[in-house]
Amino acid sequence: NQPIVPSEEEDGTSACTIESCLHTKLGVEDVVEKLREEGFNVQVSHDAGRYVCNYTYFCSLNSLQEVGRSLYSVFVHVPSFHAIDPATQIRFVSALIDRLAHEA
């Protein structure tokens, strides 16, 4: 199992430029700011991880780009219940969905 990474040119530079990378069109920073105001310890990440997480997010963003619709895609890493209890995670997911609906 290999991570999905940009291919390299013959000179060793990345074939992916910032202009060619896929990004969500949703104002993620605004969503994070509002969630912080609600007491959640969240932060913006520019790395979906490797392998399955990265591939899932890439496919989601790529599909939206191909159809050219004004839809949004975000990827959220959620810690295990050992790190954050289920009740807090349920409150977080509910607040996140509300915030995403508001921002979209």
Protein backbone atom coordinates (compact mmCIF):
# COMPACT_ATOMS: atom_id res chain seq x y z
CA ASN A 1 0.00 0.00 0.00
CA GLN A 2 1.54 3.24 -1.16
CA PRO A 3 0.44 6.77 -0.30
CA ILE A 4 -0.88 8.96 -3.05
CA VAL A 5 1.70 11.65 -3.70
CA PRO A 6 2.35 13.97 -6.63
CA SER A 7 4.58 12.43 -9.23
CA GLU A 8 8.02 13.88 -9.82
CA GLU A 9 9.44 15.32 -12.99
CA GLU A 10 12.73 13.98 -14.35
CA ASP A 11 14.64 16.71 -12.51
CA GLY A 12 13.13 15.61 -9.17
CA THR A 13 10.72 18.51 -8.77
CA SER A 14 7.08 17.89 -7.99
CA ALA A 15 4.63 17.75 -10.90
CA CYS A 16 2.00 19.27 -8.61
CA THR A 17 2.00 23.03 -8.31
CA ILE A 18 -0.15 25.01 -5.91
CA GLU A 19 -2.32 26.00 -8.88
CA SER A 20 -2.89 22.37 -9.89
CA CYS A 21 -3.64 21.03 -6.40
CA LEU A 22 -7.25 20.50 -5.41
CA HIS A 23 -8.69 22.52 -2.53
CA THR A 24 -12.13 22.90 -1.04
CA LYS A 25 -13.93 26.10 -1.97
CA LEU A 26 -15.54 26.32 1.45
CA GLY A 27 -14.26 28.94 3.88
CA VAL A 28 -12.70 26.42 6.25
CA GLU A 29 -10.99 29.08 8.37
CA ASP A 30 -14.38 30.68 9.12
CA VAL A 31 -15.85 27.31 10.09
CA VAL A 32 -12.92 26.62 12.42
CA GLU A 33 -13.18 30.07 14.00
CA LYS A 34 -16.88 29.58 14.78
CA LEU A 35 -16.29 26.08 16.17
CA ARG A 36 -13.55 27.46 18.43
CA GLU A 37 -15.98 30.11 19.66
CA GLU A 38 -18.29 27.24 20.62
CA GLY A 39 -15.49 25.72 22.72
CA PHE A 40 -14.14 23.04 20.39
CA ASN A 41 -10.38 22.53 20.10
CA VAL A 42 -10.07 22.41 16.30
CA GLN A 43 -7.55 23.55 13.72
CA VAL A 44 -7.18 23.74 9.96
CA SER A 45 -4.96 21.11 8.43
CA HIS A 46 -3.62 21.13 4.88
CA ASP A 47 -2.84 17.43 4.98
CA ALA A 48 -5.56 14.79 4.77
CA GLY A 49 -2.99 12.15 5.63
CA ARG A 50 -1.86 9.34 3.43
CA TYR A 51 -3.39 6.43 1.61
CA VAL A 52 -7.14 6.02 2.34
CA CYS A 53 -7.80 9.47 3.85
CA ASN A 54 -5.91 11.31 1.15
CA TYR A 55 -7.43 9.20 -1.61
CA THR A 56 -10.98 9.69 -0.30
CA TYR A 57 -10.58 13.46 -0.09
CA PHE A 58 -8.88 13.65 -3.49
CA CYS A 59 -11.67 11.64 -5.17
CA SER A 60 -14.31 13.84 -3.55
CA LEU A 61 -12.66 17.09 -4.66
CA ASN A 62 -11.85 15.71 -8.12
CA SER A 63 -15.42 14.56 -8.70
CA LEU A 64 -16.78 17.98 -7.79
CA GLN A 65 -14.28 19.65 -10.10
CA GLU A 66 -15.21 17.34 -12.98
CA VAL A 67 -18.94 18.03 -12.72
CA GLY A 68 -18.32 21.75 -12.28
CA ARG A 69 -21.02 22.19 -9.67
CA SER A 70 -20.99 24.61 -6.78
CA LEU A 71 -20.77 21.94 -4.10
CA TYR A 72 -18.25 21.70 -1.29
CA SER A 73 -16.16 18.90 0.10
CA VAL A 74 -14.24 18.86 3.36
CA PHE A 75 -12.31 16.15 5.15
CA VAL A 76 -12.40 15.95 8.94
CA HIS A 77 -10.13 13.76 11.01
CA VAL A 78 -11.96 12.70 14.16
CA PRO A 79 -9.97 11.32 17.11
CA SER A 80 -10.79 8.00 18.73
CA PHE A 81 -13.24 7.80 21.62
CA HIS A 82 -10.24 7.14 23.86
CA ALA A 83 -9.00 10.67 23.13
CA ILE A 84 -12.36 12.48 23.12
CA ASP A 85 -15.50 11.00 24.65
CA PRO A 86 -18.50 10.07 22.46
CA ALA A 87 -20.80 12.78 23.88
CA THR A 88 -18.30 15.53 23.00
CA GLN A 89 -17.79 14.09 19.54
CA ILE A 90 -21.54 13.97 18.94
CA ARG A 91 -21.84 17.63 19.99
CA PHE A 92 -18.91 18.48 17.71
CA VAL A 93 -20.32 16.70 14.66
CA SER A 94 -23.69 18.36 15.20
CA ALA A 95 -22.06 21.80 15.51
CA LEU A 96 -19.88 21.08 12.46
CA ILE A 97 -22.86 20.11 10.30
CA ASP A 98 -24.75 23.22 11.41
CA ARG A 99 -21.75 25.41 10.66
CA LEU A 100 -21.11 23.79 7.25
CA ALA A 101 -24.77 24.28 6.31
CA HIS A 102 -24.54 27.93 7.34
CA GLU A 103 -21.28 28.58 5.43
CA ALA A 104 -22.40 26.78 2.27
